[in-house]
Amino acid sequence: MDCKPNTKDCACSYPGCPRHGRCCECVAYHRGKNQVTACFFSPAAERTYDRSIANLARDKGLL
């Protein structure tokens, strides 16, 4: 997938992430795993690396 890097605004803190700053690749990867990308989470929830929809709901106070 051809994707222009956007490392300045990337919220991912996962060490060595091969998709860091490559939003279209990141979305495709996590969508394929039924997950949500880091940019939807608060900084504290993002650092758990739990990209599940349930964790997003907890993070946003929906559960």
PDB file of N, CA and C in Angstrom:
ATOM      1  N   MET A   1       0.845  -1.173   0.000  1.00  0.00           N
ATOM      2  CA  MET A   1       0.000   0.000   0.000  1.00  0.00           C
ATOM      3  C   MET A   1       0.892   1.239   0.000  1.00  0.00           C
ATOM      4  N   ASP A   2       0.654   2.167  -0.894  1.00  0.00           N
ATOM      5  CA  ASP A   2       1.432   3.397  -0.972  1.00  0.00           C
ATOM      6  C   ASP A   2       0.810   4.423  -0.042  1.00  0.00           C
ATOM      7  N   CYS A   3       1.583   4.893   0.915  1.00  0.00           N
ATOM      8  CA  CYS A   3       1.049   5.769   1.943  1.00  0.00           C
ATOM      9  C   CYS A   3       2.105   6.791   2.336  1.00  0.00           C
ATOM     10  N   LYS A   4       1.730   8.052   2.393  1.00  0.00           N
ATOM     11  CA  LYS A   4       2.648   9.115   2.777  1.00  0.00           C
ATOM     12  C   LYS A   4       2.750   9.171   4.306  1.00  0.00           C
ATOM     13  N   PRO A   5       3.954   9.104   4.871  1.00  0.00           N
ATOM     14  CA  PRO A   5       4.110   9.114   6.324  1.00  0.00           C
ATOM     15  C   PRO A   5       3.639  10.414   6.982  1.00  0.00           C
ATOM     16  N   ASN A   6       3.077  10.282   8.172  1.00  0.00           N
ATOM     17  CA  ASN A   6       2.635  11.420   8.967  1.00  0.00           C
ATOM     18  C   ASN A   6       3.084  11.171  10.405  1.00  0.00           C
ATOM     19  N   THR A   7       4.380  11.073  10.630  1.00  0.00           N
ATOM     20  CA  THR A   7       4.888  10.732  11.950  1.00  0.00           C
ATOM     21  C   THR A   7       4.657  11.830  12.973  1.00  0.00           C
ATOM     22  N   LYS A   8       4.549  13.060  12.554  1.00  0.00           N
ATOM     23  CA  LYS A   8       4.347  14.175  13.482  1.00  0.00           C
ATOM     24  C   LYS A   8       3.048  14.024  14.276  1.00  0.00           C
ATOM     25  N   ASP A   9       1.989  13.583  13.647  1.00  0.00           N
ATOM     26  CA  ASP A   9       0.688  13.486  14.289  1.00  0.00           C
ATOM     27  C   ASP A   9       0.313  12.066  14.721  1.00  0.00           C
ATOM     28  N   CYS A  10       1.203  11.109  14.565  1.00  0.00           N
ATOM     29  CA  CYS A  10       0.894   9.720  14.891  1.00  0.00           C
ATOM     30  C   CYS A  10       0.843   9.529  16.413  1.00  0.00           C
ATOM     31  N   ALA A  11      -0.265   8.947  16.901  1.00  0.00           N
ATOM     32  CA  ALA A  11      -0.460   8.741  18.338  1.00  0.00           C
ATOM     33  C   ALA A  11       0.097   7.413  18.843  1.00  0.00           C
ATOM     34  N   CYS A  12       0.568   6.573  17.957  1.00  0.00           N
ATOM     35  CA  CYS A  12       1.037   5.246  18.340  1.00  0.00           C
ATOM     36  C   CYS A  12       2.349   5.328  19.131  1.00  0.00           C
ATOM     37  N   SER A  13       2.376   4.651  20.276  1.00  0.00           N
ATOM     38  CA  SER A  13       3.596   4.626  21.086  1.00  0.00           C
ATOM     39  C   SER A  13       4.232   3.235  21.105  1.00  0.00           C
ATOM     40  N   TYR A  14       3.720   2.317  20.277  1.00  0.00           N
ATOM     41  CA  TYR A  14       4.255   0.958  20.246  1.00  0.00           C
ATOM     42  C   TYR A  14       5.680   0.988  19.692  1.00  0.00           C
ATOM     43  N   PRO A  15       6.656   0.499  20.461  1.00  0.00           N
ATOM     44  CA  PRO A  15       8.059   0.542  20.021  1.00  0.00           C
ATOM     45  C   PRO A  15       8.281  -0.251  18.730  1.00  0.00           C
ATOM     46  N   GLY A  16       8.908   0.379  17.783  1.00  0.00           N
ATOM     47  CA  GLY A  16       9.260  -0.295  16.541  1.00  0.00           C
ATOM     48  C   GLY A  16       8.104  -0.606  15.608  1.00  0.00           C
ATOM     49  N   CYS A  17       6.973   0.066  15.791  1.00  0.00           N
ATOM     50  CA  CYS A  17       5.813  -0.197  14.939  1.00  0.00           C
ATOM     51  C   CYS A  17       6.172   0.072  13.473  1.00  0.00           C
ATOM     52  N   PRO A  18       6.008  -0.918  12.602  1.00  0.00           N
ATOM     53  CA  PRO A  18       6.354  -0.725  11.193  1.00  0.00           C
ATOM     54  C   PRO A  18       5.360   0.172  10.450  1.00  0.00           C
ATOM     55  N   ARG A  19       4.217   0.459  11.066  1.00  0.00           N
ATOM     56  CA  ARG A  19       3.201   1.315  10.438  1.00  0.00           C
ATOM     57  C   ARG A  19       3.169   2.713  11.043  1.00  0.00           C
ATOM     58  N   HIS A  20       4.114   3.031  11.945  1.00  0.00           N
ATOM     59  CA  HIS A  20       4.133   4.335  12.610  1.00  0.00           C
ATOM     60  C   HIS A  20       4.100   5.467  11.585  1.00  0.00           C
ATOM     61  N   GLY A  21       3.092   6.316  11.711  1.00  0.00           N
ATOM     62  CA  GLY A  21       2.963   7.459  10.814  1.00  0.00           C
ATOM     63  C   GLY A  21       2.367   7.135   9.460  1.00  0.00           C
ATOM     64  N   ARG A  22       2.021   5.908   9.214  1.00  0.00           N
ATOM     65  CA  ARG A  22       1.433   5.497   7.938  1.00  0.00           C
ATOM     66  C   ARG A  22      -0.020   5.113   8.192  1.00  0.00           C
ATOM     67  N   CYS A  23      -0.849   6.141   8.292  1.00  0.00           N
ATOM     68  CA  CYS A  23      -2.239   5.977   8.726  1.00  0.00           C
ATOM     69  C   CYS A  23      -3.025   4.964   7.903  1.00  0.00           C
ATOM     70  N   CYS A  24      -2.924   5.014   6.599  1.00  0.00           N
ATOM     71  CA  CYS A  24      -3.723   4.098   5.779  1.00  0.00           C
ATOM     72  C   CYS A  24      -3.307   2.648   6.012  1.00  0.00           C
ATOM     73  N   GLU A  25      -2.020   2.388   6.202  1.00  0.00           N
ATOM     74  CA  GLU A  25      -1.559   1.039   6.499  1.00  0.00           C
ATOM     75  C   GLU A  25      -2.020   0.605   7.891  1.00  0.00           C
ATOM     76  N   CYS A  26      -1.963   1.522   8.840  1.00  0.00           N
ATOM     77  CA  CYS A  26      -2.366   1.245  10.216  1.00  0.00           C
ATOM     78  C   CYS A  26      -3.861   0.901  10.284  1.00  0.00           C
ATOM     79  N   VAL A  27      -4.681   1.704   9.637  1.00  0.00           N
ATOM     80  CA  VAL A  27      -6.129   1.464   9.637  1.00  0.00           C
ATOM     81  C   VAL A  27      -6.426   0.105   9.010  1.00  0.00           C
ATOM     82  N   ALA A  28      -5.803  -0.195   7.885  1.00  0.00           N
ATOM     83  CA  ALA A  28      -6.036  -1.479   7.210  1.00  0.00           C
ATOM     84  C   ALA A  28      -5.606  -2.644   8.097  1.00  0.00           C
ATOM     85  N   TYR A  29      -4.470  -2.520   8.743  1.00  0.00           N
ATOM     86  CA  TYR A  29      -3.966  -3.589   9.614  1.00  0.00           C
ATOM     87  C   TYR A  29      -4.929  -3.847  10.774  1.00  0.00           C
ATOM     88  N   HIS A  30      -5.286  -2.798  11.506  1.00  0.00           N
ATOM     89  CA  HIS A  30      -6.147  -2.967  12.677  1.00  0.00           C
ATOM     90  C   HIS A  30      -7.579  -3.336  12.290  1.00  0.00           C
ATOM     91  N   ARG A  31      -8.063  -2.820  11.192  1.00  0.00           N
ATOM     92  CA  ARG A  31      -9.404  -3.194  10.736  1.00  0.00           C
ATOM     93  C   ARG A  31      -9.469  -4.684  10.438  1.00  0.00           C
ATOM     94  N   GLY A  32      -8.418  -5.202   9.857  1.00  0.00           N
ATOM     95  CA  GLY A  32      -8.348  -6.626   9.558  1.00  0.00           C
ATOM     96  C   GLY A  32      -8.321  -7.505  10.804  1.00  0.00           C
ATOM     97  N   LYS A  33      -7.975  -6.912  11.945  1.00  0.00           N
ATOM     98  CA  LYS A  33      -7.936  -7.643  13.216  1.00  0.00           C
ATOM     99  C   LYS A  33      -9.127  -7.263  14.107  1.00  0.00           C
ATOM    100  N   ASN A  34     -10.114  -6.553  13.527  1.00  0.00           N
ATOM    101  CA  ASN A  34     -11.294  -6.088  14.267  1.00  0.00           C
ATOM    102  C   ASN A  34     -10.884  -5.217  15.458  1.00  0.00           C
ATOM    103  N   GLN A  35      -9.933  -4.311  15.207  1.00  0.00           N
ATOM    104  CA  GLN A  35      -9.412  -3.421  16.232  1.00  0.00           C
ATOM    105  C   GLN A  35      -9.573  -1.970  15.791  1.00  0.00           C
ATOM    106  N   VAL A  36      -9.199  -1.069  16.696  1.00  0.00           N
ATOM    107  CA  VAL A  36      -9.255   0.369  16.444  1.00  0.00           C
ATOM    108  C   VAL A  36      -7.822   0.895  16.507  1.00  0.00           C
ATOM    109  N   THR A  37      -7.510   1.929  15.759  1.00  0.00           N
ATOM    110  CA  THR A  37      -6.158   2.483  15.749  1.00  0.00           C
ATOM    111  C   THR A  37      -5.897   3.358  16.979  1.00  0.00           C
ATOM    112  N   ALA A  38      -4.629   3.566  17.284  1.00  0.00           N
ATOM    113  CA  ALA A  38      -4.196   4.304  18.474  1.00  0.00           C
ATOM    114  C   ALA A  38      -4.778   5.707  18.560  1.00  0.00           C
ATOM    115  N   CYS A  39      -4.986   6.346  17.434  1.00  0.00           N
ATOM    116  CA  CYS A  39      -5.414   7.747  17.438  1.00  0.00           C
ATOM    117  C   CYS A  39      -6.806   7.963  18.021  1.00  0.00           C
ATOM    118  N   PHE A  40      -7.575   6.907  18.237  1.00  0.00           N
ATOM    119  CA  PHE A  40      -8.908   7.045  18.824  1.00  0.00           C
ATOM    120  C   PHE A  40      -8.880   7.012  20.351  1.00  0.00           C
ATOM    121  N   PHE A  41      -7.781   6.565  20.944  1.00  0.00           N
ATOM    122  CA  PHE A  41      -7.683   6.376  22.382  1.00  0.00           C
ATOM    123  C   PHE A  41      -7.057   7.583  23.082  1.00  0.00           C
ATOM    124  N   SER A  42      -7.357   7.703  24.386  1.00  0.00           N
ATOM    125  CA  SER A  42      -6.648   8.684  25.203  1.00  0.00           C
ATOM    126  C   SER A  42      -5.195   8.228  25.297  1.00  0.00           C
ATOM    127  N   PRO A  43      -4.269   9.117  25.623  1.00  0.00           N
ATOM    128  CA  PRO A  43      -2.869   8.692  25.730  1.00  0.00           C
ATOM    129  C   PRO A  43      -2.662   7.542  26.721  1.00  0.00           C
ATOM    130  N   ALA A  44      -3.349   7.562  27.856  1.00  0.00           N
ATOM    131  CA  ALA A  44      -3.190   6.490  28.849  1.00  0.00           C
ATOM    132  C   ALA A  44      -3.707   5.158  28.315  1.00  0.00           C
ATOM    133  N   ALA A  45      -4.854   5.154  27.693  1.00  0.00           N
ATOM    134  CA  ALA A  45      -5.413   3.913  27.144  1.00  0.00           C
ATOM    135  C   ALA A  45      -4.591   3.420  25.957  1.00  0.00           C
ATOM    136  N   GLU A  46      -4.047   4.330  25.180  1.00  0.00           N
ATOM    137  CA  GLU A  46      -3.235   3.940  24.024  1.00  0.00           C
ATOM    138  C   GLU A  46      -2.006   3.176  24.480  1.00  0.00           C
ATOM    139  N   ARG A  47      -1.412   3.584  25.590  1.00  0.00           N
ATOM    140  CA  ARG A  47      -0.180   2.940  26.076  1.00  0.00           C
ATOM    141  C   ARG A  47      -0.404   1.510  26.562  1.00  0.00           C
ATOM    142  N   THR A  48      -1.662   1.068  26.699  1.00  0.00           N
ATOM    143  CA  THR A  48      -1.926  -0.322  27.080  1.00  0.00           C
ATOM    144  C   THR A  48      -1.763  -1.253  25.882  1.00  0.00           C
ATOM    145  N   TYR A  49      -1.775  -0.690  24.680  1.00  0.00           N
ATOM    146  CA  TYR A  49      -1.695  -1.437  23.410  1.00  0.00           C
ATOM    147  C   TYR A  49      -2.891  -2.348  23.208  1.00  0.00           C
ATOM    148  N   ASP A  50      -3.949  -2.153  23.996  1.00  0.00           N
ATOM    149  CA  ASP A  50      -5.195  -2.910  23.815  1.00  0.00           C
ATOM    150  C   ASP A  50      -6.049  -2.115  22.835  1.00  0.00           C
ATOM    151  N   ARG A  51      -6.069  -2.541  21.587  1.00  0.00           N
ATOM    152  CA  ARG A  51      -6.770  -1.803  20.528  1.00  0.00           C
ATOM    153  C   ARG A  51      -8.196  -2.333  20.308  1.00  0.00           C
ATOM    154  N   SER A  52      -8.717  -3.064  21.282  1.00  0.00           N
ATOM    155  CA  SER A  52     -10.051  -3.643  21.127  1.00  0.00           C
ATOM    156  C   SER A  52     -11.144  -2.573  21.195  1.00  0.00           C
ATOM    157  N   ILE A  53     -12.265  -2.902  20.595  1.00  0.00           N
ATOM    158  CA  ILE A  53     -13.419  -2.006  20.623  1.00  0.00           C
ATOM    159  C   ILE A  53     -13.926  -1.870  22.063  1.00  0.00           C
ATOM    160  N   ALA A  54     -13.879  -2.956  22.832  1.00  0.00           N
ATOM    161  CA  ALA A  54     -14.299  -2.905  24.237  1.00  0.00           C
ATOM    162  C   ALA A  54     -13.419  -1.942  25.033  1.00  0.00           C
ATOM    163  N   ASN A  55     -12.103  -1.958  24.780  1.00  0.00           N
ATOM    164  CA  ASN A  55     -11.210  -1.043  25.486  1.00  0.00           C
ATOM    165  C   ASN A  55     -11.494   0.403  25.088  1.00  0.00           C
ATOM    166  N   LEU A  56     -11.816   0.637  23.837  1.00  0.00           N
ATOM    167  CA  LEU A  56     -12.177   1.989  23.399  1.00  0.00           C
ATOM    168  C   LEU A  56     -13.433   2.449  24.112  1.00  0.00           C
ATOM    169  N   ALA A  57     -14.428   1.573  24.242  1.00  0.00           N
ATOM    170  CA  ALA A  57     -15.663   1.914  24.940  1.00  0.00           C
ATOM    171  C   ALA A  57     -15.395   2.243  26.407  1.00  0.00           C
ATOM    172  N   ARG A  58     -14.513   1.470  27.050  1.00  0.00           N
ATOM    173  CA  ARG A  58     -14.124   1.764  28.447  1.00  0.00           C
ATOM    174  C   ARG A  58     -13.412   3.100  28.533  1.00  0.00           C
ATOM    175  N   ASP A  59     -12.498   3.327  27.603  1.00  0.00           N
ATOM    176  CA  ASP A  59     -11.727   4.570  27.586  1.00  0.00           C
ATOM    177  C   ASP A  59     -12.638   5.793  27.436  1.00  0.00           C
ATOM    178  N   LYS A  60     -13.685   5.648  26.667  1.00  0.00           N
ATOM    179  CA  LYS A  60     -14.603   6.774  26.414  1.00  0.00           C
ATOM    180  C   LYS A  60     -15.750   6.811  27.424  1.00  0.00           C
ATOM    181  N   GLY A  61     -15.720   5.904  28.430  1.00  0.00           N
ATOM    182  CA  GLY A  61     -16.741   5.898  29.472  1.00  0.00           C
ATOM    183  C   GLY A  61     -18.084   5.340  29.039  1.00  0.00           C
ATOM    184  N   LEU A  62     -18.077   4.485  28.038  1.00  0.00           N
ATOM    185  CA  LEU A  62     -19.324   3.895  27.535  1.00  0.00           C
ATOM    186  C   LEU A  62     -19.625   2.548  28.196  1.00  0.00           C
ATOM    187  N   LEU A  63     -18.660   1.973  28.874  1.00  0.00           N
ATOM    188  CA  LEU A  63     -18.851   0.702  29.601  1.00  0.00           C
ATOM    189  C   LEU A  63     -18.515   0.899  31.058  1.00  0.00           C
TER     190      LEU A  63
END
